[in-house]
């Protein structure tokens, strides 16, 4: 049996995708009463009310129940992955990380957090251009499944995860897959600001392109492969997340561009804009590794209270240089 740890919108969507053909899925929910409500109504009214859930999905609020699963998809918010793993008494052979971010308190990628908590498990990363409501509705999607255990882990996991409308592609580059998912959240905030300021499509697409250059520089500096970042979990996810208000990070940036303060924009506790947590640690890691990331620096300035128009003006006033250089 496959398990999903985390019953937010993305965890619920993955559970629905996995259970869409009648296979049994166990879904862990943190929130009081949510597991009982899912089991009774076959809906997650709190996080994904649009989706009618398969009857083969069973929800629980007891982490100990997840010990009966052969594979676990970890879909808790990135900043809580370590604490949730720390409460689990045992782990299956395969842990698939589906949270996108960098641990703010330590600067660690999610796979490093998981390896410390579950040293005997093999770690994989599932990442790509996916909106939860579309996956739950059965619309086609493709993702990267990066397997730290190599070909053998892929052979175990891919039949468990692939469905008619959900197509994983193999990679052995866990680092690159994680960096793509983490950095795109920060860049999506910047693109949302462009939307909020009504600066137009030219500006947004220039930002996506220059943002991807930042992602690529950073990813390669930390050991990721360029081909990974050019794929679904890098460029693909970036384009999707930077183009729609269905993205929580894009919506956060749009609110900032429209004049809302960061404190006000982050007040909704039901959804998590991981880019806001990732931005400061990403800036610090980039500085540590000597990687120029001016858009990331600009997002941090916004989150620290600078006016959106002033931040954009500062970006536009940077010295001119050849495309392909490091800034």
Protein backbone atom coordinates (compact mmCIF):
# COMPACT_ATOMS: atom_id res chain seq x y z
CA UNK A 1 0.00 0.00 0.00
CA UNK A 2 1.17 3.52 -0.76
CA UNK A 3 0.81 6.33 1.77
CA UNK A 4 0.62 10.10 1.50
CA UNK A 5 1.77 12.15 4.50
CA UNK A 6 0.07 15.54 4.40
CA UNK A 7 -3.53 16.27 3.42
CA UNK A 8 -3.17 19.78 2.08
CA UNK A 9 -4.23 20.51 -1.48
CA UNK A 10 -1.21 18.83 -3.10
CA UNK A 11 -1.21 15.82 -0.81
CA UNK A 12 -4.92 15.31 -1.37
CA UNK A 13 -4.49 15.65 -5.13
CA UNK A 14 -1.70 13.05 -5.15
CA UNK A 15 -3.82 10.70 -3.05
CA UNK A 16 -6.70 11.09 -5.49
CA UNK A 17 -4.43 10.50 -8.49
CA UNK A 18 -2.97 7.37 -6.88
CA UNK A 19 -6.39 6.06 -5.88
CA UNK A 20 -8.10 6.89 -9.17
CA UNK A 21 -7.81 3.31 -10.44
CA UNK A 22 -9.06 1.75 -7.21
CA UNK A 23 -5.71 1.09 -5.56
CA UNK A 24 -5.67 1.57 -1.81
CA UNK A 25 -4.11 4.79 -0.51
CA UNK A 26 -3.61 5.86 3.10
CA UNK A 27 -3.66 9.64 3.65
CA UNK A 28 -2.39 11.24 6.87
CA UNK A 29 -4.00 14.52 7.95
CA UNK A 30 -2.71 16.75 10.74
CA UNK A 31 -5.77 18.93 11.27
CA UNK A 32 -8.30 17.92 13.93
CA UNK A 33 -11.32 16.22 12.43
CA UNK A 34 -10.07 16.33 8.84
CA UNK A 35 -9.38 12.60 8.51
CA UNK A 36 -12.86 11.72 9.79
CA UNK A 37 -14.44 14.25 7.43
CA UNK A 38 -12.54 12.87 4.44
CA UNK A 39 -13.58 9.31 5.29
CA UNK A 40 -17.22 10.30 5.75
CA UNK A 41 -17.64 12.70 2.83
CA UNK A 42 -14.89 11.60 0.41
CA UNK A 43 -13.91 15.25 0.09
CA UNK A 44 -11.32 17.53 1.61
CA UNK A 45 -13.49 20.60 2.08
CA UNK A 46 -10.70 22.46 3.89
CA UNK A 47 -7.95 22.30 1.27
CA UNK A 48 -9.33 20.89 -2.00
CA UNK A 49 -13.13 21.17 -2.00
CA UNK A 50 -13.45 20.79 -5.78
CA UNK A 51 -12.33 17.14 -5.80
CA UNK A 52 -14.51 14.12 -5.13
CA UNK A 53 -12.12 11.55 -3.66
CA UNK A 54 -11.94 7.88 -4.54
CA UNK A 55 -13.43 5.49 -2.01
CA UNK A 56 -10.13 3.58 -2.00
CA UNK A 57 -8.56 6.51 -0.12
CA UNK A 58 -8.61 6.13 3.65
CA UNK A 59 -7.54 9.02 5.87
CA UNK A 60 -5.98 8.85 9.34
CA UNK A 61 -4.71 11.33 11.90
CA UNK A 62 -2.35 8.79 13.50
CA UNK A 63 1.18 8.84 12.06
CA UNK A 64 1.78 5.35 13.45
CA UNK A 65 -0.71 4.01 10.90
CA UNK A 66 1.69 4.95 8.09
CA UNK A 67 4.03 2.12 9.15
CA UNK A 68 1.85 -0.29 7.17
CA UNK A 69 2.74 1.44 3.87
CA UNK A 70 5.41 0.11 1.50
CA UNK A 71 6.11 3.60 0.09
CA UNK A 72 5.44 7.05 1.52
CA UNK A 73 4.96 10.31 -0.36
CA UNK A 74 5.94 13.14 1.99
CA UNK A 75 3.76 16.17 1.21
CA UNK A 76 4.01 18.23 4.37
CA UNK A 77 5.04 21.90 4.00
CA UNK A 78 8.79 22.06 3.53
CA UNK A 79 9.43 23.86 6.82
CA UNK A 80 7.65 21.08 8.74
CA UNK A 81 9.14 18.04 7.01
CA UNK A 82 11.82 17.52 9.65
CA UNK A 83 9.43 17.71 12.59
CA UNK A 84 6.95 15.28 10.98
CA UNK A 85 9.69 12.80 10.11
CA UNK A 86 10.97 13.11 13.68
CA UNK A 87 7.60 11.91 15.01
CA UNK A 88 7.55 8.77 12.87
CA UNK A 89 8.72 5.56 14.49
CA UNK A 90 9.57 3.63 11.33
CA UNK A 91 10.07 4.21 7.62
CA UNK A 92 9.52 2.18 4.49
CA UNK A 93 12.27 1.49 1.99
CA UNK A 94 11.20 4.37 -0.26
CA UNK A 95 10.49 7.96 0.80
CA UNK A 96 9.29 10.22 -2.02
CA UNK A 97 9.66 13.91 -1.20
CA UNK A 98 6.98 16.11 -2.76
CA UNK A 99 7.56 19.34 -0.80
CA UNK A 100 9.44 22.15 -2.56
CA UNK A 101 11.69 24.35 -0.49
CA UNK A 102 14.82 24.75 1.61
CA UNK A 103 14.77 24.38 5.40
CA UNK A 104 14.95 27.95 6.61
CA UNK A 105 16.57 27.24 9.97
CA UNK A 106 19.46 25.17 8.57
CA UNK A 107 19.77 25.86 4.83
CA UNK A 108 19.36 22.15 4.10
CA UNK A 109 17.58 20.70 1.08
CA UNK A 110 14.65 18.39 1.82
CA UNK A 111 16.60 15.25 0.91
CA UNK A 112 19.25 16.11 3.51
CA UNK A 113 16.52 16.59 6.12
CA UNK A 114 15.03 13.21 5.21
CA UNK A 115 18.37 11.39 5.18
CA UNK A 116 19.09 12.48 8.74
CA UNK A 117 15.68 11.35 9.99
CA UNK A 118 15.50 8.13 7.97
CA UNK A 119 19.07 7.06 7.12
CA UNK A 120 18.03 3.58 5.98
CA UNK A 121 15.37 4.78 3.53
CA UNK A 122 16.08 5.50 -0.11
CA UNK A 123 15.09 9.05 -1.05
CA UNK A 124 13.35 10.12 -4.23
CA UNK A 125 11.99 13.52 -5.27
CA UNK A 126 8.78 14.06 -7.23
CA UNK A 127 8.60 17.52 -8.78
CA UNK A 128 7.24 19.21 -11.86
CA UNK A 129 4.65 21.58 -13.36
CA UNK A 130 1.50 20.59 -11.51
CA UNK A 131 -1.48 22.39 -10.04
CA UNK A 132 -3.28 20.33 -7.42
CA UNK A 133 -6.82 20.90 -8.70
CA UNK A 134 -5.87 19.74 -12.20
CA UNK A 135 -4.12 16.59 -10.99
CA UNK A 136 -7.10 15.76 -8.76
CA UNK A 137 -9.44 16.22 -11.73
CA UNK A 138 -7.46 13.68 -13.75
CA UNK A 139 -6.10 16.16 -16.28
CA UNK A 140 -2.80 15.11 -17.92
CA UNK A 141 0.45 15.99 -16.15
CA UNK A 142 4.11 15.03 -16.38
CA UNK A 143 6.68 15.19 -13.60
CA UNK A 144 10.28 14.35 -12.80
CA UNK A 145 10.83 11.41 -10.46
CA UNK A 146 14.44 11.78 -9.30
CA UNK A 147 15.63 8.60 -7.60
CA UNK A 148 18.56 8.70 -5.23
CA UNK A 149 18.53 4.91 -5.38
CA UNK A 150 19.07 4.95 -9.13
CA UNK A 151 17.56 2.57 -11.66
CA UNK A 152 16.50 -0.02 -9.09
CA UNK A 153 14.46 2.50 -7.14
CA UNK A 154 12.90 3.80 -10.35
CA UNK A 155 11.85 0.26 -11.27
CA UNK A 156 10.11 -0.06 -7.89
CA UNK A 157 8.50 3.37 -7.77
CA UNK A 158 7.43 4.16 -11.31
CA UNK A 159 4.70 1.47 -11.49
CA UNK A 160 3.36 2.64 -8.14
CA UNK A 161 3.16 6.29 -9.17
CA UNK A 162 2.45 6.34 -12.91
CA UNK A 163 -1.18 6.55 -13.99
CA UNK A 164 -2.88 7.06 -17.35
CA UNK A 165 -2.86 10.85 -16.93
CA UNK A 166 0.17 11.19 -14.65
CA UNK A 167 3.48 10.49 -16.34
CA UNK A 168 6.77 10.45 -14.42
CA UNK A 169 10.14 10.82 -16.17
CA UNK A 170 13.26 9.31 -14.65
CA UNK A 171 16.23 11.24 -13.28
CA UNK A 172 19.00 10.30 -10.89
CA UNK A 173 19.62 13.98 -10.02
CA UNK A 174 17.92 14.52 -6.66
CA UNK A 175 19.84 17.76 -6.07
CA UNK A 176 18.81 19.34 -9.36
CA UNK A 177 15.17 18.31 -8.94
CA UNK A 178 15.00 19.85 -5.48
CA UNK A 179 16.72 23.07 -6.49
CA UNK A 180 14.35 23.59 -9.41
CA UNK A 181 11.31 23.26 -7.16
CA UNK A 182 12.71 25.53 -4.46
CA UNK A 183 14.00 28.35 -6.66
CA UNK A 184 10.92 28.56 -8.89
CA UNK A 185 8.79 29.41 -5.84
CA UNK A 186 10.88 32.52 -5.20
CA UNK A 187 10.85 33.55 -8.86
CA UNK A 188 7.07 33.10 -8.98
CA UNK A 189 6.72 35.79 -6.31
CA UNK A 190 8.67 38.17 -8.55
CA UNK A 191 6.45 37.38 -11.53
CA UNK A 192 3.37 37.98 -9.42
CA UNK A 193 4.72 41.43 -8.56
CA UNK A 194 4.99 42.18 -12.28
CA UNK A 195 1.33 41.19 -12.65
CA UNK A 196 0.29 43.25 -9.63
CA UNK A 197 2.06 46.32 -10.99
CA UNK A 198 0.55 45.71 -14.46
CA UNK A 199 3.96 45.87 -16.13
CA UNK A 200 2.88 43.64 -19.02
CA UNK A 201 3.74 40.35 -20.68
CA UNK A 202 7.11 41.52 -22.00
CA UNK A 203 8.33 42.21 -18.48
CA UNK A 204 7.03 38.94 -17.08
CA UNK A 205 8.62 36.83 -19.79
CA UNK A 206 11.92 38.68 -19.46
CA UNK A 207 11.76 37.95 -15.73
CA UNK A 208 11.09 34.25 -16.31
CA UNK A 209 14.06 34.03 -18.66
CA UNK A 210 16.47 35.89 -16.40
CA UNK A 211 15.11 34.01 -13.41
CA UNK A 212 15.81 30.71 -15.10
CA UNK A 213 19.40 31.86 -15.60
CA UNK A 214 19.60 32.37 -11.82
CA UNK A 215 18.13 28.91 -11.20
CA UNK A 216 20.63 27.32 -13.56
CA UNK A 217 23.64 29.10 -12.05
CA UNK A 218 22.62 28.20 -8.53
CA UNK A 219 21.72 24.61 -9.36
CA UNK A 220 24.98 23.87 -11.12
CA UNK A 221 26.97 25.50 -8.30
CA UNK A 222 25.37 23.11 -5.81
CA UNK A 223 25.91 20.03 -7.97
CA UNK A 224 22.70 19.83 -9.99
CA UNK A 225 22.74 18.87 -13.66
CA UNK A 226 21.83 21.45 -16.34
CA UNK A 227 19.64 18.91 -18.14
CA UNK A 228 17.58 18.42 -14.98
CA UNK A 229 17.00 22.14 -14.58
CA UNK A 230 16.11 22.42 -18.26
CA UNK A 231 13.40 19.79 -17.73
CA UNK A 232 10.03 19.43 -16.08
CA UNK A 233 11.16 20.08 -12.51
CA UNK A 234 13.09 23.23 -13.45
CA UNK A 235 12.07 25.26 -16.48
CA UNK A 236 8.73 23.47 -16.83
CA UNK A 237 7.67 24.14 -13.26
CA UNK A 238 8.98 27.71 -13.44
CA UNK A 239 6.88 28.62 -16.49
CA UNK A 240 3.70 27.19 -14.95
CA UNK A 241 4.16 28.74 -11.52
CA UNK A 242 5.05 32.16 -12.95
CA UNK A 243 1.96 32.34 -15.13
CA UNK A 244 -1.15 31.77 -13.02
CA UNK A 245 -2.90 32.91 -9.86
CA UNK A 246 -3.43 29.20 -9.15
CA UNK A 247 0.14 29.43 -7.85
CA UNK A 248 0.22 30.51 -4.21
CA UNK A 249 3.61 32.15 -4.71
CA UNK A 250 2.46 34.07 -7.78
CA UNK A 251 -0.64 35.20 -5.87
CA UNK A 252 1.55 36.41 -3.01
CA UNK A 253 3.67 38.46 -5.41
CA UNK A 254 0.59 39.88 -7.11
CA UNK A 255 -0.72 41.05 -3.74
CA UNK A 256 2.64 42.69 -2.98
CA UNK A 257 2.60 44.40 -6.37
CA UNK A 258 -0.89 45.72 -5.67
CA UNK A 259 0.34 47.35 -2.47
CA UNK A 260 -0.43 44.81 0.23
CA UNK A 261 2.22 44.35 2.92
CA UNK A 262 4.02 41.03 3.24
CA UNK A 263 2.50 40.51 6.69
CA UNK A 264 -1.02 40.98 5.30
CA UNK A 265 -0.37 38.83 2.24
CA UNK A 266 0.98 35.94 4.32
CA UNK A 267 -1.82 36.02 6.88
CA UNK A 268 -3.85 33.15 5.33
CA UNK A 269 -2.72 30.13 7.33
CA UNK A 270 -4.60 27.58 5.21
CA UNK A 271 -2.15 27.86 2.33
CA UNK A 272 1.63 28.07 2.35
CA UNK A 273 3.63 30.20 -0.09
CA UNK A 274 6.91 28.33 0.33
CA UNK A 275 8.81 30.97 -1.65
CA UNK A 276 8.49 33.41 1.24
CA UNK A 277 10.31 30.96 3.54
CA UNK A 278 12.82 29.94 0.89
CA UNK A 279 13.83 33.43 -0.30
CA UNK A 280 16.04 34.46 2.66
CA UNK A 281 17.92 31.17 2.89
CA UNK A 282 18.29 31.02 -0.90
CA UNK A 283 19.85 34.47 -0.88
CA UNK A 284 22.26 33.42 1.88
CA UNK A 285 23.22 30.19 0.11
CA UNK A 286 23.78 32.06 -3.16
CA UNK A 287 26.10 34.49 -1.40
CA UNK A 288 27.95 31.62 0.27
CA UNK A 289 28.53 29.91 -3.08
CA UNK A 290 29.32 33.11 -4.97
CA UNK A 291 26.27 32.94 -7.22
CA UNK A 292 24.69 36.16 -8.47
CA UNK A 293 20.89 36.11 -7.98
CA UNK A 294 19.58 39.68 -8.31
CA UNK A 295 15.93 38.66 -8.72
CA UNK A 296 16.13 36.60 -5.54
CA UNK A 297 17.65 39.60 -3.76
CA UNK A 298 14.79 41.76 -5.04
CA UNK A 299 12.18 39.34 -3.70
CA UNK A 300 13.84 39.49 -0.29
CA UNK A 301 13.72 43.28 -0.40
CA UNK A 302 9.97 43.09 -1.08
CA UNK A 303 9.39 40.64 1.77
CA UNK A 304 11.37 42.94 4.07
CA UNK A 305 9.03 45.83 3.31
CA UNK A 306 10.47 47.78 0.37
CA UNK A 307 7.93 49.21 -2.08
CA UNK A 308 7.39 47.07 -5.18
CA UNK A 309 7.96 49.90 -7.66
CA UNK A 310 11.22 50.88 -5.97
CA UNK A 311 12.47 47.30 -6.10
CA UNK A 312 11.60 46.96 -9.79
CA UNK A 313 13.26 50.27 -10.56
CA UNK A 314 16.44 49.12 -8.83
CA UNK A 315 16.48 45.95 -10.94
CA UNK A 316 16.04 47.93 -14.15
CA UNK A 317 18.83 50.33 -13.17
CA UNK A 318 21.47 47.60 -12.85
CA UNK A 319 24.52 47.90 -15.16
CA UNK A 320 24.08 46.61 -18.72
CA UNK A 321 25.98 43.46 -19.71
CA UNK A 322 26.04 40.62 -22.20
CA UNK A 323 23.29 38.00 -21.99
CA UNK A 324 24.62 34.77 -20.50
CA UNK A 325 26.87 36.52 -17.99
CA UNK A 326 26.38 35.89 -14.29
CA UNK A 327 23.80 38.57 -13.51
